[in-house]
Amino acid sequence: MIKKTLLGSLACLSILAGCANGFSQYYHGMTREQIDEKVGVRTGVEPKAVYATDVKAESEHLAESGYALVGESSFQGPESRFAESKAMSQARSLGADLVVLASSGAGSETVAVPIVTPRSSTTYSSFSGNAFNSYGTTHVNGYGTSTSYGTTTNIVPMTVHRANYYAGYWVKQKPAVPGVVFNPLTPEQHRAIGTNSGLLVRVVVIGSPAYKADIFKGDYVMAIDGEPTGDPASAAQLLKAHAGQVAKISILRDGNAISKDVQLAPASN
């Protein structure tokens, strides 16, 4: 009886621990409304799970394939076989196309779990005596029982294995006007090229206008149609203003100045 009760109690604890969804609780990023505005209304999207041993490399591959990262979840919690299903639940709520999953061991800890089991106590008593009636005296012997009920609480040690969890949520972007992702330069990079202008090409989307014009990851974009580049947001606005047109992009590659005529894609609605 105690063994069955213990197993049942541990099962209940497991179920209770699994109720919270850390992937939604610790999510940070775009809301569903912002995602719909960015890429269009997300209806009937069934996300796919991608397991990654190198999240950075996988993220670069997705960016080059035209996907955009819209949010992430990261937290530490008990190891759970339900981790993937909970991450997928959060991905569905966002309308994500892909969720990149990664986990690693975070050690273990011993916790004290109180287990309450039923307890009963029975006492026995006997008696003897004489009973008087119209026929005379009769000797009587007998016994009785009395049972009391209660509970017993036992403290049971349990080892909980913990893990670090990560999930990145990605959506397929609309066709990009240039198809590049810029990074601002560090002070060391500015010093190396001798100017405060310039942006680093971090990603080139495969098949995009920039890709077709042979702009490479690692190039420095120095100017767009003669306008010096200073920050990624301004460069993106400048490229968007030239959507559907040919833009002259000045590049610095391995110390050499290069000019590229890039036929930009039309702006997406």
Protein backbone atom coordinates (compact mmCIF):
# COMPACT_ATOMS: atom_id res chain seq x y z
CA MET A 1 0.00 0.00 0.00
CA ILE A 2 2.81 2.44 0.92
CA LYS A 3 4.69 1.69 -2.30
CA LYS A 4 1.61 2.32 -4.44
CA THR A 5 0.86 5.54 -2.59
CA LEU A 6 4.47 6.71 -2.96
CA LEU A 7 4.47 6.08 -6.70
CA GLY A 8 1.16 7.83 -7.06
CA SER A 9 2.39 10.84 -5.10
CA LEU A 10 5.56 11.12 -7.18
CA ALA A 11 3.48 10.89 -10.36
CA CYS A 12 1.30 13.74 -9.11
CA LEU A 13 4.39 15.82 -8.34
CA SER A 14 5.69 15.14 -11.84
CA ILE A 15 2.42 16.24 -13.40
CA LEU A 16 2.30 19.41 -11.29
CA ALA A 17 5.89 20.27 -12.16
CA GLY A 18 5.09 19.82 -15.84
CA CYS A 19 2.16 22.25 -15.84
CA ALA A 20 4.26 25.41 -16.23
CA ASN A 21 5.65 26.08 -19.70
CA GLY A 22 9.09 27.68 -19.33
CA PHE A 23 9.27 28.32 -23.09
CA SER A 24 6.34 30.73 -22.84
CA GLN A 25 7.14 32.00 -19.33
CA TYR A 26 10.70 33.02 -20.30
CA TYR A 27 9.97 34.12 -23.88
CA HIS A 28 11.28 37.47 -25.08
CA GLY A 29 10.78 38.84 -28.56
CA MET A 30 8.07 39.95 -30.96
CA THR A 31 4.39 39.50 -30.22
CA ARG A 32 2.07 37.55 -32.52
CA GLU A 33 0.64 40.85 -33.79
CA GLN A 34 4.11 42.19 -34.61
CA ILE A 35 4.99 38.97 -36.43
CA ASP A 36 1.77 39.11 -38.46
CA GLU A 37 2.64 42.69 -39.41
CA LYS A 38 6.18 41.74 -40.40
CA VAL A 39 5.52 38.67 -42.55
CA GLY A 40 1.74 38.44 -42.95
CA VAL A 41 -1.04 36.80 -40.99
CA ARG A 42 0.07 33.40 -39.70
CA THR A 43 -2.79 30.91 -40.02
CA GLY A 44 -2.54 27.14 -40.18
CA VAL A 45 1.26 27.17 -39.70
CA GLU A 46 2.67 23.96 -38.21
CA PRO A 47 6.20 24.64 -36.97
CA LYS A 48 9.10 22.23 -37.41
CA ALA A 49 11.65 21.47 -34.72
CA VAL A 50 15.37 21.72 -35.51
CA TYR A 51 17.83 20.38 -32.93
CA ALA A 52 21.13 22.25 -32.91
CA THR A 53 24.46 21.52 -31.29
CA ASP A 54 25.77 24.86 -32.57
CA VAL A 55 22.99 27.45 -32.27
CA LYS A 56 25.08 30.24 -33.81
CA ALA A 57 25.92 28.23 -36.92
CA GLU A 58 22.32 27.06 -37.32
CA SER A 59 21.06 30.63 -36.91
CA GLU A 60 23.40 31.91 -39.62
CA HIS A 61 22.25 29.15 -41.95
CA LEU A 62 18.58 30.05 -41.39
CA ALA A 63 19.27 33.77 -41.90
CA GLU A 64 21.06 32.98 -45.18
CA SER A 65 18.01 30.90 -46.18
CA GLY A 66 15.66 33.87 -45.75
CA TYR A 67 14.37 33.25 -42.23
CA ALA A 68 14.11 35.88 -39.50
CA LEU A 69 14.52 35.32 -35.77
CA VAL A 70 11.43 36.73 -34.01
CA GLY A 71 12.02 35.62 -30.43
CA GLU A 72 13.83 33.34 -28.01
CA SER A 73 13.30 31.39 -24.80
CA SER A 74 16.10 30.43 -22.41
CA PHE A 75 15.87 29.08 -18.89
CA GLN A 76 17.05 26.34 -16.54
CA GLY A 77 14.65 23.73 -15.21
CA PRO A 78 14.13 20.04 -14.45
CA GLU A 79 14.85 17.63 -17.29
CA SER A 80 11.59 16.78 -19.02
CA ARG A 81 10.58 14.57 -21.90
CA PHE A 82 7.86 17.15 -22.62
CA ALA A 83 10.35 19.94 -23.46
CA GLU A 84 9.90 19.67 -27.23
CA SER A 85 6.10 19.65 -27.08
CA LYS A 86 6.11 22.74 -24.86
CA ALA A 87 8.51 24.58 -27.17
CA MET A 88 6.28 23.65 -30.12
CA SER A 89 3.25 24.97 -28.24
CA GLN A 90 4.96 28.36 -27.86
CA ALA A 91 6.01 28.28 -31.53
CA ARG A 92 2.38 27.70 -32.59
CA SER A 93 1.20 30.61 -30.47
CA LEU A 94 3.65 32.85 -32.37
CA GLY A 95 2.96 31.39 -35.81
CA ALA A 96 6.64 30.43 -36.20
CA ASP A 97 7.78 28.25 -39.09
CA LEU A 98 10.77 26.77 -37.27
CA VAL A 99 11.95 26.41 -33.70
CA VAL A 100 15.65 25.78 -33.05
CA LEU A 101 16.08 23.72 -29.89
CA ALA A 102 19.16 23.15 -27.76
CA SER A 103 19.69 21.77 -24.28
CA SER A 104 22.57 20.86 -22.01
CA GLY A 105 22.93 19.26 -18.61
CA ALA A 106 22.95 21.57 -15.60
CA GLY A 107 23.73 19.11 -12.83
CA SER A 108 21.33 17.67 -10.29
CA GLU A 109 19.99 18.45 -6.85
CA THR A 110 18.40 16.43 -4.09
CA VAL A 111 15.07 17.66 -2.82
CA ALA A 112 13.01 16.45 0.13
CA VAL A 113 9.54 15.34 -0.89
CA PRO A 114 6.90 14.85 1.84
CA ILE A 115 4.85 11.71 1.18
CA VAL A 116 1.62 11.30 3.16
CA THR A 117 0.38 7.75 3.62
CA PRO A 118 -2.74 6.46 5.42
CA ARG A 119 -2.30 4.87 8.84
CA SER A 120 -4.71 2.81 10.97
CA SER A 121 -4.40 1.35 14.47
CA THR A 122 -6.57 -1.46 15.85
CA THR A 123 -6.87 -2.43 19.52
CA TYR A 124 -8.37 -5.70 20.83
CA SER A 125 -10.18 -6.24 24.15
CA SER A 126 -11.77 -9.28 25.85
CA PHE A 127 -14.26 -9.63 28.64
CA SER A 128 -15.91 -12.32 30.76
CA GLY A 129 -18.74 -12.33 33.30
CA ASN A 130 -22.03 -13.80 34.46
CA ALA A 131 -25.39 -13.15 32.93
CA PHE A 132 -28.50 -13.69 35.05
CA ASN A 133 -31.79 -14.84 33.61
CA SER A 134 -34.91 -16.81 34.60
CA TYR A 135 -33.06 -20.08 34.15
CA GLY A 136 -30.21 -19.19 36.43
CA THR A 137 -26.74 -17.87 35.89
CA THR A 138 -24.80 -18.10 32.59
CA HIS A 139 -21.07 -17.49 32.32
CA VAL A 140 -20.22 -15.29 29.28
CA ASN A 141 -16.84 -14.77 27.51
CA GLY A 142 -16.29 -12.33 24.56
CA TYR A 143 -13.95 -9.89 22.78
CA GLY A 144 -14.14 -6.63 20.77
CA THR A 145 -12.03 -4.44 18.48
CA SER A 146 -11.53 -0.68 18.09
CA THR A 147 -9.86 0.93 15.02
CA SER A 148 -8.56 4.52 14.73
CA TYR A 149 -7.51 6.16 11.45
CA GLY A 150 -4.90 8.82 10.62
CA THR A 151 -1.95 9.63 8.34
CA THR A 152 1.84 9.41 8.49
CA THR A 153 4.18 11.85 6.70
CA ASN A 154 7.50 10.49 5.49
CA ILE A 155 10.26 12.69 4.02
CA VAL A 156 11.64 10.99 0.90
CA PRO A 157 14.82 12.32 -0.80
CA MET A 158 14.52 12.61 -4.61
CA THR A 159 17.24 13.52 -7.13
CA VAL A 160 16.14 16.06 -9.74
CA HIS A 161 18.26 16.34 -12.89
CA ARG A 162 18.33 19.85 -14.35
CA ALA A 163 18.98 21.18 -17.84
CA ASN A 164 19.61 24.46 -19.64
CA TYR A 165 16.99 24.94 -22.37
CA TYR A 166 17.05 27.23 -25.41
CA ALA A 167 14.53 27.78 -28.19
CA GLY A 168 14.77 30.25 -31.08
CA TYR A 169 11.62 30.97 -33.12
CA TRP A 170 11.99 31.72 -36.83
CA VAL A 171 9.64 32.82 -39.62
CA LYS A 172 10.13 32.89 -43.37
CA GLN A 173 10.58 36.51 -44.41
CA LYS A 174 9.02 38.31 -47.33
CA PRO A 175 11.46 38.69 -50.25
CA ALA A 176 14.16 41.08 -49.07
CA VAL A 177 14.89 44.29 -51.02
CA PRO A 178 18.69 43.88 -50.75
CA GLY A 179 18.98 40.56 -48.89
CA VAL A 180 21.71 41.55 -46.47
CA VAL A 181 21.97 41.92 -42.70
CA PHE A 182 24.39 44.55 -41.43
CA ASN A 183 26.39 44.85 -38.23
CA PRO A 184 27.82 48.15 -37.01
CA LEU A 185 31.59 48.26 -36.90
CA THR A 186 33.61 48.07 -33.72
CA PRO A 187 36.09 50.86 -32.93
CA GLU A 188 38.89 48.46 -33.90
CA GLN A 189 37.30 47.82 -37.31
CA HIS A 190 36.83 51.54 -37.94
CA ARG A 191 40.48 52.11 -37.07
CA ALA A 192 41.55 49.27 -39.38
CA ILE A 193 39.79 50.77 -42.42
CA GLY A 194 40.59 54.37 -41.47
CA THR A 195 37.07 55.83 -41.44
CA ASN A 196 34.06 56.23 -39.19
CA SER A 197 31.77 55.13 -42.03
CA GLY A 198 30.96 51.59 -43.02
CA LEU A 199 28.88 48.58 -42.07
CA LEU A 200 29.84 44.92 -41.91
CA VAL A 201 27.85 42.45 -44.00
CA ARG A 202 26.91 39.74 -41.49
CA VAL A 203 24.45 37.73 -43.61
CA VAL A 204 23.71 37.48 -47.31
CA VAL A 205 20.40 35.78 -48.10
CA ILE A 206 20.84 33.07 -50.71
CA GLY A 207 19.17 34.04 -54.01
CA SER A 208 18.69 37.68 -52.97
CA PRO A 209 19.75 40.73 -55.07
CA ALA A 210 22.90 41.09 -52.93
CA TYR A 211 23.71 37.41 -53.41
CA LYS A 212 23.29 37.68 -57.20
CA ALA A 213 25.53 40.76 -57.22
CA ASP A 214 28.30 38.79 -55.46
CA ILE A 215 28.27 40.73 -52.23
CA PHE A 216 29.91 38.52 -49.62
CA LYS A 217 29.64 38.01 -45.91
CA GLY A 218 32.51 39.98 -44.36
CA ASP A 219 32.43 42.81 -46.92
CA TYR A 220 32.36 46.41 -45.65
CA VAL A 221 29.56 48.45 -47.25
CA MET A 222 30.89 52.00 -47.33
CA ALA A 223 28.19 53.88 -49.28
CA ILE A 224 24.85 53.38 -51.04
CA ASP A 225 24.38 55.59 -54.12
CA GLY A 226 27.07 57.89 -52.76
CA GLU A 227 25.53 58.15 -49.28
CA PRO A 228 28.02 57.00 -46.60
CA THR A 229 26.68 54.24 -44.38
CA GLY A 230 26.73 54.78 -40.64
CA ASP A 231 24.19 52.58 -38.91
CA PRO A 232 22.15 49.51 -39.99
CA ALA A 233 18.74 51.19 -39.61
CA SER A 234 19.66 54.14 -41.85
CA ALA A 235 21.19 51.83 -44.45
CA ALA A 236 18.04 49.67 -44.49
CA GLN A 237 15.85 52.75 -44.98
CA LEU A 238 18.09 53.99 -47.79
CA LEU A 239 17.93 50.64 -49.58
CA LYS A 240 14.16 50.49 -49.12
CA ALA A 241 13.87 53.96 -50.68
CA HIS A 242 15.59 52.55 -53.79
CA ALA A 243 13.44 49.39 -53.92
CA GLY A 244 12.91 48.17 -57.46
CA GLN A 245 15.80 50.28 -58.74
CA VAL A 246 19.48 49.72 -59.41
CA ALA A 247 21.58 50.91 -56.47
CA LYS A 248 25.31 51.51 -56.62
CA ILE A 249 26.86 49.97 -53.51
CA SER A 250 30.44 50.82 -52.62
CA ILE A 251 32.30 48.00 -50.89
CA LEU A 252 35.66 47.56 -49.21
CA ARG A 253 36.93 43.97 -49.52
CA ASP A 254 40.39 42.91 -48.36
CA GLY A 255 41.52 46.54 -48.54
CA ASN A 256 40.25 46.98 -52.11
CA ALA A 257 37.44 49.39 -53.09
CA ILE A 258 34.75 47.72 -55.20
CA SER A 259 31.56 49.12 -56.75
CA LYS A 260 28.51 46.90 -57.28
CA ASP A 261 25.36 47.73 -59.27
CA VAL A 262 22.60 45.86 -57.44
CA GLN A 263 19.11 45.44 -58.90
CA LEU A 264 17.03 45.73 -55.75
CA ALA A 265 13.79 43.82 -55.36
CA PRO A 266 10.49 45.70 -55.18
CA ALA A 267 9.33 46.55 -51.68
CA SER A 268 6.91 44.03 -50.16
CA ASN A 269 3.58 45.27 -48.88
